[in-house]
Amino acid sequence: MSAPQGWEAIRAEVLRRIDSRVWAPGALIPTEEDLAAEFGCARATVNRALRELALAGVLERRRKAGTRVATHPVRKATLDIPVTRLEVVGRGQVYSFRLLAQTKAVPPLAVASRLGLAPGATLLHLRTLHFADAKPFLYEDRWLNPAVLPEGLPPDLAEMSINEWLVKTVAYTYGDISFSAANASPDEAAYLDVAPGAALFITERTTWAGEAPITLVRLAYGPGYRLHTQV
């Protein structure tokens, strides 16, 4: 294709090739760069098309391992990154937050490894406590890559939480999310005003902008939190 293509047209062509077995189940497809050159468009346009197909379960994308046609295509559940303020307000409660700490630090090895960073890399470490009706609602422990920030952090994170600022400011291409139950650590128990070892609902999420990691965040919700989504 010589004429520039929109992402919808590229998505349709990729689907055609998959349906016609030009690219068989499990096959590694060309890179974003190669497809962008073939279709005469920006790499970001190809990325959007492939990301939509990955969300639909047609493709399987792995960082540094390429994109493959799904062996058994299935519809994947997807979740938007929530803005905590809107989540609290949507529950009919009054939202507030407090930035507990903001430092530059070398993350633990486990954090650096999950973000694909070399040991010794320096990240921003931010800890935030979110409230609903003046009661602790969520304790947020976040490691943030300063290299992906367009103009650095805003001058006053007391006006808008880092969660909301990132959702509004920094675009991500993909990420992963996990849910678990865990006993409250001493810090989590103190901030959430629960007994040490109390059962908490934990969300851990990483996001990426292409090959660059954006953030790894651990969210600890107080007892009684309920996650609701749609399928």
C-alpha atoms as a PDB file:
ATOM      1  CA  MET A   1       0.000   0.000   0.000  1.00  0.00           C
ATOM      2  CA  SER A   2       1.552   3.293  -1.035  1.00  0.00           C
ATOM      3  CA  ALA A   3      -1.020   5.786   0.203  1.00  0.00           C
ATOM      4  CA  PRO A   4      -1.020   6.708   3.909  1.00  0.00           C
ATOM      5  CA  GLN A   5      -3.437   4.583   5.898  1.00  0.00           C
ATOM      6  CA  GLY A   6      -5.561   5.327   8.948  1.00  0.00           C
ATOM      7  CA  TRP A   7      -5.400   2.910  11.843  1.00  0.00           C
ATOM      8  CA  GLU A   8      -8.844   1.494  11.041  1.00  0.00           C
ATOM      9  CA  ALA A   9      -7.719   0.562   7.505  1.00  0.00           C
ATOM     10  CA  ILE A  10      -4.568  -1.042   8.864  1.00  0.00           C
ATOM     11  CA  ARG A  11      -6.575  -3.004  11.418  1.00  0.00           C
ATOM     12  CA  ALA A  12      -8.860  -4.255   8.628  1.00  0.00           C
ATOM     13  CA  GLU A  13      -5.898  -5.323   6.493  1.00  0.00           C
ATOM     14  CA  VAL A  14      -4.237  -7.136   9.393  1.00  0.00           C
ATOM     15  CA  LEU A  15      -7.493  -8.972  10.070  1.00  0.00           C
ATOM     16  CA  ARG A  16      -7.765  -9.880   6.374  1.00  0.00           C
ATOM     17  CA  ARG A  17      -4.300 -11.396   6.414  1.00  0.00           C
ATOM     18  CA  ILE A  18      -5.102 -13.354   9.562  1.00  0.00           C
ATOM     19  CA  ASP A  19      -8.457 -14.606   8.236  1.00  0.00           C
ATOM     20  CA  SER A  20      -6.897 -15.653   4.912  1.00  0.00           C
ATOM     21  CA  ARG A  21      -4.024 -17.412   6.753  1.00  0.00           C
ATOM     22  CA  VAL A  22      -1.368 -15.162   5.256  1.00  0.00           C
ATOM     23  CA  TRP A  23      -0.417 -14.956   8.915  1.00  0.00           C
ATOM     24  CA  ALA A  24      -1.321 -18.258  10.566  1.00  0.00           C
ATOM     25  CA  PRO A  25      -2.200 -18.739  14.261  1.00  0.00           C
ATOM     26  CA  GLY A  26       0.962 -18.415  16.319  1.00  0.00           C
ATOM     27  CA  ALA A  27       2.888 -16.682  13.516  1.00  0.00           C
ATOM     28  CA  LEU A  28       5.141 -13.726  14.288  1.00  0.00           C
ATOM     29  CA  ILE A  29       3.966 -10.747  12.233  1.00  0.00           C
ATOM     30  CA  PRO A  30       6.212  -7.945  10.870  1.00  0.00           C
ATOM     31  CA  THR A  31       7.444  -5.268  13.233  1.00  0.00           C
ATOM     32  CA  GLU A  32       5.693  -1.925  13.672  1.00  0.00           C
ATOM     33  CA  GLU A  33       8.528  -0.261  11.746  1.00  0.00           C
ATOM     34  CA  ASP A  34       8.166  -2.654   8.803  1.00  0.00           C
ATOM     35  CA  LEU A  35       4.377  -2.272   8.713  1.00  0.00           C
ATOM     36  CA  ALA A  36       4.640   1.514   8.931  1.00  0.00           C
ATOM     37  CA  ALA A  37       6.993   1.498   5.947  1.00  0.00           C
ATOM     38  CA  GLU A  38       4.680  -0.820   4.003  1.00  0.00           C
ATOM     39  CA  PHE A  39       1.535   1.180   4.692  1.00  0.00           C
ATOM     40  CA  GLY A  40       3.197   4.575   4.351  1.00  0.00           C
ATOM     41  CA  CYS A  41       2.158   5.855   7.767  1.00  0.00           C
ATOM     42  CA  ALA A  42       3.560   6.727  11.172  1.00  0.00           C
ATOM     43  CA  ARG A  43       4.552   3.945  13.531  1.00  0.00           C
ATOM     44  CA  ALA A  44       2.060   5.311  16.061  1.00  0.00           C
ATOM     45  CA  THR A  45      -0.757   4.601  13.594  1.00  0.00           C
ATOM     46  CA  VAL A  46       0.336   0.975  13.272  1.00  0.00           C
ATOM     47  CA  ASN A  47       0.692   0.749  17.047  1.00  0.00           C
ATOM     48  CA  ARG A  48      -2.905   1.888  17.508  1.00  0.00           C
ATOM     49  CA  ALA A  49      -4.212  -0.726  15.052  1.00  0.00           C
ATOM     50  CA  LEU A  50      -2.228  -3.569  16.615  1.00  0.00           C
ATOM     51  CA  ARG A  51      -3.136  -2.464  20.126  1.00  0.00           C
ATOM     52  CA  GLU A  52      -6.840  -2.592  19.270  1.00  0.00           C
ATOM     53  CA  LEU A  53      -6.443  -6.106  17.873  1.00  0.00           C
ATOM     54  CA  ALA A  54      -4.499  -7.181  20.944  1.00  0.00           C
ATOM     55  CA  LEU A  55      -7.266  -5.855  23.186  1.00  0.00           C
ATOM     56  CA  ALA A  56      -9.735  -7.885  21.130  1.00  0.00           C
ATOM     57  CA  GLY A  57      -7.645 -11.014  21.688  1.00  0.00           C
ATOM     58  CA  VAL A  58      -6.649 -11.432  18.028  1.00  0.00           C
ATOM     59  CA  LEU A  59      -2.966 -10.651  18.590  1.00  0.00           C
ATOM     60  CA  GLU A  60      -0.571 -11.390  21.433  1.00  0.00           C
ATOM     61  CA  ARG A  61       1.986  -8.662  22.126  1.00  0.00           C
ATOM     62  CA  ARG A  62       5.074  -9.189  24.266  1.00  0.00           C
ATOM     63  CA  ARG A  63       7.657  -6.553  25.001  1.00  0.00           C
ATOM     64  CA  LYS A  64      10.905  -7.322  23.131  1.00  0.00           C
ATOM     65  CA  ALA A  65       9.373 -10.575  21.800  1.00  0.00           C
ATOM     66  CA  GLY A  66       7.238  -9.127  19.014  1.00  0.00           C
ATOM     67  CA  THR A  67       3.610  -9.569  18.055  1.00  0.00           C
ATOM     68  CA  ARG A  68       2.067 -12.912  17.168  1.00  0.00           C
ATOM     69  CA  VAL A  69      -1.297 -14.036  15.873  1.00  0.00           C
ATOM     70  CA  ALA A  70      -3.188 -15.517  18.825  1.00  0.00           C
ATOM     71  CA  THR A  71      -3.282 -19.304  18.706  1.00  0.00           C
ATOM     72  CA  HIS A  72      -6.744 -19.374  20.236  1.00  0.00           C
ATOM     73  CA  PRO A  73      -8.282 -15.895  19.820  1.00  0.00           C
ATOM     74  CA  VAL A  74     -10.470 -14.912  22.745  1.00  0.00           C
ATOM     75  CA  ARG A  75     -12.036 -11.680  23.834  1.00  0.00           C
ATOM     76  CA  LYS A  76      -9.933 -10.106  26.560  1.00  0.00           C
ATOM     77  CA  ALA A  77     -11.270  -8.183  29.506  1.00  0.00           C
ATOM     78  CA  THR A  78      -9.898  -4.641  29.581  1.00  0.00           C
ATOM     79  CA  LEU A  79      -9.895  -1.999  32.270  1.00  0.00           C
ATOM     80  CA  ASP A  80      -9.360   1.721  31.980  1.00  0.00           C
ATOM     81  CA  ILE A  81      -6.961   3.273  34.457  1.00  0.00           C
ATOM     82  CA  PRO A  82      -9.316   4.861  36.980  1.00  0.00           C
ATOM     83  CA  VAL A  83      -8.956   8.348  38.388  1.00  0.00           C
ATOM     84  CA  THR A  84      -9.335   7.817  42.123  1.00  0.00           C
ATOM     85  CA  ARG A  85     -11.046  11.176  42.616  1.00  0.00           C
ATOM     86  CA  LEU A  86     -13.767  10.242  40.127  1.00  0.00           C
ATOM     87  CA  GLU A  87     -14.119   6.805  41.666  1.00  0.00           C
ATOM     88  CA  VAL A  88     -14.751   8.300  45.118  1.00  0.00           C
ATOM     89  CA  VAL A  89     -17.100  11.011  43.820  1.00  0.00           C
ATOM     90  CA  GLY A  90     -18.983   8.343  41.868  1.00  0.00           C
ATOM     91  CA  ARG A  91     -19.665   6.577  45.150  1.00  0.00           C
ATOM     92  CA  GLY A  92     -21.365   9.726  46.421  1.00  0.00           C
ATOM     93  CA  GLN A  93     -18.511  10.626  48.759  1.00  0.00           C
ATOM     94  CA  VAL A  94     -16.268  13.656  49.194  1.00  0.00           C
ATOM     95  CA  TYR A  95     -12.747  13.162  47.849  1.00  0.00           C
ATOM     96  CA  SER A  96      -9.463  14.466  49.189  1.00  0.00           C
ATOM     97  CA  PHE A  97      -5.862  13.305  49.169  1.00  0.00           C
ATOM     98  CA  ARG A  98      -2.516  13.938  50.813  1.00  0.00           C
ATOM     99  CA  LEU A  99       0.902  13.544  49.212  1.00  0.00           C
ATOM    100  CA  LEU A 100       2.896  11.739  51.882  1.00  0.00           C
ATOM    101  CA  ALA A 101       6.321  11.669  50.260  1.00  0.00           C
ATOM    102  CA  GLN A 102       8.059  12.595  47.000  1.00  0.00           C
ATOM    103  CA  THR A 103      11.688  11.591  46.567  1.00  0.00           C
ATOM    104  CA  LYS A 104      14.242  10.434  44.000  1.00  0.00           C
ATOM    105  CA  ALA A 105      15.565   7.000  44.849  1.00  0.00           C
ATOM    106  CA  VAL A 106      17.001   3.773  43.518  1.00  0.00           C
ATOM    107  CA  PRO A 107      14.094   1.297  43.529  1.00  0.00           C
ATOM    108  CA  PRO A 108      14.284  -2.204  44.985  1.00  0.00           C
ATOM    109  CA  LEU A 109      15.679  -4.780  42.591  1.00  0.00           C
ATOM    110  CA  ALA A 110      12.225  -6.336  42.142  1.00  0.00           C
ATOM    111  CA  VAL A 111      10.818  -2.989  40.949  1.00  0.00           C
ATOM    112  CA  ALA A 112      13.715  -2.309  38.574  1.00  0.00           C
ATOM    113  CA  SER A 113      13.401  -5.813  37.157  1.00  0.00           C
ATOM    114  CA  ARG A 114       9.670  -5.498  36.476  1.00  0.00           C
ATOM    115  CA  LEU A 115      10.280  -2.210  34.679  1.00  0.00           C
ATOM    116  CA  GLY A 116      13.199  -3.593  32.684  1.00  0.00           C
ATOM    117  CA  LEU A 117      15.653  -1.122  34.197  1.00  0.00           C
ATOM    118  CA  ALA A 118      19.294  -1.677  35.005  1.00  0.00           C
ATOM    119  CA  PRO A 119      20.139  -1.922  38.712  1.00  0.00           C
ATOM    120  CA  GLY A 120      20.975   1.493  40.102  1.00  0.00           C
ATOM    121  CA  ALA A 121      18.558   3.448  37.899  1.00  0.00           C
ATOM    122  CA  THR A 122      16.983   6.403  39.710  1.00  0.00           C
ATOM    123  CA  LEU A 123      13.208   6.825  39.733  1.00  0.00           C
ATOM    124  CA  LEU A 124      10.716   9.118  41.401  1.00  0.00           C
ATOM    125  CA  HIS A 125       9.054   7.547  44.431  1.00  0.00           C
ATOM    126  CA  LEU A 126       5.694   8.991  45.443  1.00  0.00           C
ATOM    127  CA  ARG A 127       3.380   7.850  48.196  1.00  0.00           C
ATOM    128  CA  THR A 128      -0.173   9.206  48.371  1.00  0.00           C
ATOM    129  CA  LEU A 129      -3.100   8.643  50.714  1.00  0.00           C
ATOM    130  CA  HIS A 130      -6.569   9.098  49.217  1.00  0.00           C
ATOM    131  CA  PHE A 131      -9.653   9.772  51.350  1.00  0.00           C
ATOM    132  CA  ALA A 132     -13.404   9.263  50.975  1.00  0.00           C
ATOM    133  CA  ASP A 133     -15.479  11.415  53.339  1.00  0.00           C
ATOM    134  CA  ALA A 134     -12.253  12.202  55.236  1.00  0.00           C
ATOM    135  CA  LYS A 135     -11.616   8.491  55.923  1.00  0.00           C
ATOM    136  CA  PRO A 136      -8.649   6.598  54.424  1.00  0.00           C
ATOM    137  CA  PHE A 137      -9.707   4.966  51.174  1.00  0.00           C
ATOM    138  CA  LEU A 138      -6.539   4.047  49.277  1.00  0.00           C
ATOM    139  CA  TYR A 139      -2.804   4.010  49.950  1.00  0.00           C
ATOM    140  CA  GLU A 140      -0.779   4.463  46.743  1.00  0.00           C
ATOM    141  CA  ASP A 141       2.903   3.552  46.498  1.00  0.00           C
ATOM    142  CA  ARG A 142       4.273   4.552  43.080  1.00  0.00           C
ATOM    143  CA  TRP A 143       7.610   4.352  41.255  1.00  0.00           C
ATOM    144  CA  LEU A 144       7.725   6.693  38.261  1.00  0.00           C
ATOM    145  CA  ASN A 145      10.212   6.964  35.394  1.00  0.00           C
ATOM    146  CA  PRO A 146      11.111  10.679  35.009  1.00  0.00           C
ATOM    147  CA  ALA A 147      12.387  10.106  31.449  1.00  0.00           C
ATOM    148  CA  VAL A 148       8.846   9.748  30.074  1.00  0.00           C
ATOM    149  CA  LEU A 149       7.449  12.919  31.633  1.00  0.00           C
ATOM    150  CA  PRO A 150       6.891  15.635  28.996  1.00  0.00           C
ATOM    151  CA  GLU A 151       8.055  18.557  31.142  1.00  0.00           C
ATOM    152  CA  GLY A 152       8.779  16.992  34.485  1.00  0.00           C
ATOM    153  CA  LEU A 153       6.311  16.833  37.328  1.00  0.00           C
ATOM    154  CA  PRO A 154       3.846  19.670  37.903  1.00  0.00           C
ATOM    155  CA  PRO A 155       5.100  22.239  40.410  1.00  0.00           C
ATOM    156  CA  ASP A 156       2.483  21.422  43.039  1.00  0.00           C
ATOM    157  CA  LEU A 157       1.214  17.874  43.384  1.00  0.00           C
ATOM    158  CA  ALA A 158      -0.874  18.987  46.326  1.00  0.00           C
ATOM    159  CA  GLU A 159      -3.387  20.426  43.844  1.00  0.00           C
ATOM    160  CA  MET A 160      -3.889  17.283  41.722  1.00  0.00           C
ATOM    161  CA  SER A 161      -2.939  13.727  42.651  1.00  0.00           C
ATOM    162  CA  ILE A 162      -0.182  12.029  40.677  1.00  0.00           C
ATOM    163  CA  ASN A 163      -2.747   9.418  39.635  1.00  0.00           C
ATOM    164  CA  GLU A 164      -5.019  11.971  37.993  1.00  0.00           C
ATOM    165  CA  TRP A 165      -2.146  13.990  36.526  1.00  0.00           C
ATOM    166  CA  LEU A 166      -0.613  10.933  34.838  1.00  0.00           C
ATOM    167  CA  VAL A 167      -3.933   9.783  33.370  1.00  0.00           C
ATOM    168  CA  LYS A 168      -4.467  13.251  31.891  1.00  0.00           C
ATOM    169  CA  THR A 169      -0.888  13.967  30.817  1.00  0.00           C
ATOM    170  CA  VAL A 170       1.123  10.845  29.913  1.00  0.00           C
ATOM    171  CA  ALA A 171      -0.176   8.522  27.195  1.00  0.00           C
ATOM    172  CA  TYR A 172       0.583   4.814  27.550  1.00  0.00           C
ATOM    173  CA  THR A 173       0.622   2.144  24.844  1.00  0.00           C
ATOM    174  CA  TYR A 174       0.127  -0.925  27.002  1.00  0.00           C
ATOM    175  CA  GLY A 175       0.400  -2.238  30.520  1.00  0.00           C
ATOM    176  CA  ASP A 176      -0.463  -5.045  32.877  1.00  0.00           C
ATOM    177  CA  ILE A 177      -2.516  -5.251  36.020  1.00  0.00           C
ATOM    178  CA  SER A 178      -2.881  -7.818  38.784  1.00  0.00           C
ATOM    179  CA  PHE A 179      -5.285  -8.178  41.687  1.00  0.00           C
ATOM    180  CA  SER A 180      -4.662  -9.953  44.958  1.00  0.00           C
ATOM    181  CA  ALA A 181      -5.456 -10.059  48.641  1.00  0.00           C
ATOM    182  CA  ALA A 182      -2.662  -9.358  51.098  1.00  0.00           C
ATOM    183  CA  ASN A 183      -2.153  -8.687  54.770  1.00  0.00           C
ATOM    184  CA  ALA A 184      -1.551  -5.039  55.591  1.00  0.00           C
ATOM    185  CA  SER A 185       2.074  -4.087  56.117  1.00  0.00           C
ATOM    186  CA  PRO A 186       2.845  -1.860  59.118  1.00  0.00           C
ATOM    187  CA  ASP A 187       2.868   1.252  56.888  1.00  0.00           C
ATOM    188  CA  GLU A 188      -0.352   0.283  55.095  1.00  0.00           C
ATOM    189  CA  ALA A 189      -2.058  -0.494  58.384  1.00  0.00           C
ATOM    190  CA  ALA A 190      -1.030   2.853  59.860  1.00  0.00           C
ATOM    191  CA  TYR A 191      -2.140   4.923  56.875  1.00  0.00           C
ATOM    192  CA  LEU A 192      -5.401   3.045  56.272  1.00  0.00           C
ATOM    193  CA  ASP A 193      -6.194   2.973  60.013  1.00  0.00           C
ATOM    194  CA  VAL A 194      -6.610  -0.802  60.164  1.00  0.00           C
ATOM    195  CA  ALA A 195      -5.039  -3.498  62.314  1.00  0.00           C
ATOM    196  CA  PRO A 196      -1.624  -4.779  61.195  1.00  0.00           C
ATOM    197  CA  GLY A 197      -2.173  -7.879  59.067  1.00  0.00           C
ATOM    198  CA  ALA A 198      -5.726  -6.913  58.110  1.00  0.00           C
ATOM    199  CA  ALA A 199      -6.834  -8.260  54.730  1.00  0.00           C
ATOM    200  CA  LEU A 200      -6.512  -5.653  51.973  1.00  0.00           C
ATOM    201  CA  PHE A 201      -7.468  -5.598  48.303  1.00  0.00           C
ATOM    202  CA  ILE A 202      -4.276  -4.963  46.315  1.00  0.00           C
ATOM    203  CA  THR A 203      -3.885  -3.765  42.739  1.00  0.00           C
ATOM    204  CA  GLU A 204      -0.466  -3.673  41.090  1.00  0.00           C
ATOM    205  CA  ARG A 205      -0.131  -2.012  37.697  1.00  0.00           C
ATOM    206  CA  THR A 206       2.677  -1.231  35.274  1.00  0.00           C
ATOM    207  CA  THR A 207       2.337   0.940  32.165  1.00  0.00           C
ATOM    208  CA  TRP A 208       4.615   1.523  29.196  1.00  0.00           C
ATOM    209  CA  ALA A 209       5.080   4.064  26.416  1.00  0.00           C
ATOM    210  CA  GLY A 210       6.495   1.912  23.646  1.00  0.00           C
ATOM    211  CA  GLU A 211       9.692   0.400  25.058  1.00  0.00           C
ATOM    212  CA  ALA A 212       9.936   2.924  27.909  1.00  0.00           C
ATOM    213  CA  PRO A 213       8.421   2.071  31.299  1.00  0.00           C
ATOM    214  CA  ILE A 214       6.200   4.760  32.779  1.00  0.00           C
ATOM    215  CA  THR A 215       5.273   3.593  36.238  1.00  0.00           C
ATOM    216  CA  LEU A 216       4.775   0.732  38.635  1.00  0.00           C
ATOM    217  CA  VAL A 217       2.175   1.397  41.286  1.00  0.00           C
ATOM    218  CA  ARG A 218       0.830  -0.639  44.201  1.00  0.00           C
ATOM    219  CA  LEU A 219      -2.628   0.345  45.405  1.00  0.00           C
ATOM    220  CA  ALA A 220      -3.823  -0.886  48.788  1.00  0.00           C
ATOM    221  CA  TYR A 221      -7.545  -0.458  49.462  1.00  0.00           C
ATOM    222  CA  GLY A 222      -9.096  -0.591  52.892  1.00  0.00           C
ATOM    223  CA  PRO A 223     -11.316  -3.496  53.992  1.00  0.00           C
ATOM    224  CA  GLY A 224     -14.688  -3.536  52.271  1.00  0.00           C
ATOM    225  CA  TYR A 225     -13.500  -2.215  48.915  1.00  0.00           C
ATOM    226  CA  ARG A 226     -15.356  -3.686  45.958  1.00  0.00           C
ATOM    227  CA  LEU A 227     -14.196  -3.609  42.343  1.00  0.00           C
ATOM    228  CA  HIS A 228     -16.909  -3.367  39.683  1.00  0.00           C
ATOM    229  CA  THR A 229     -16.413  -3.667  35.940  1.00  0.00           C
ATOM    230  CA  GLN A 230     -18.246  -4.883  32.850  1.00  0.00           C
ATOM    231  CA  VAL A 231     -17.709  -7.811  30.475  1.00  0.00           C
END
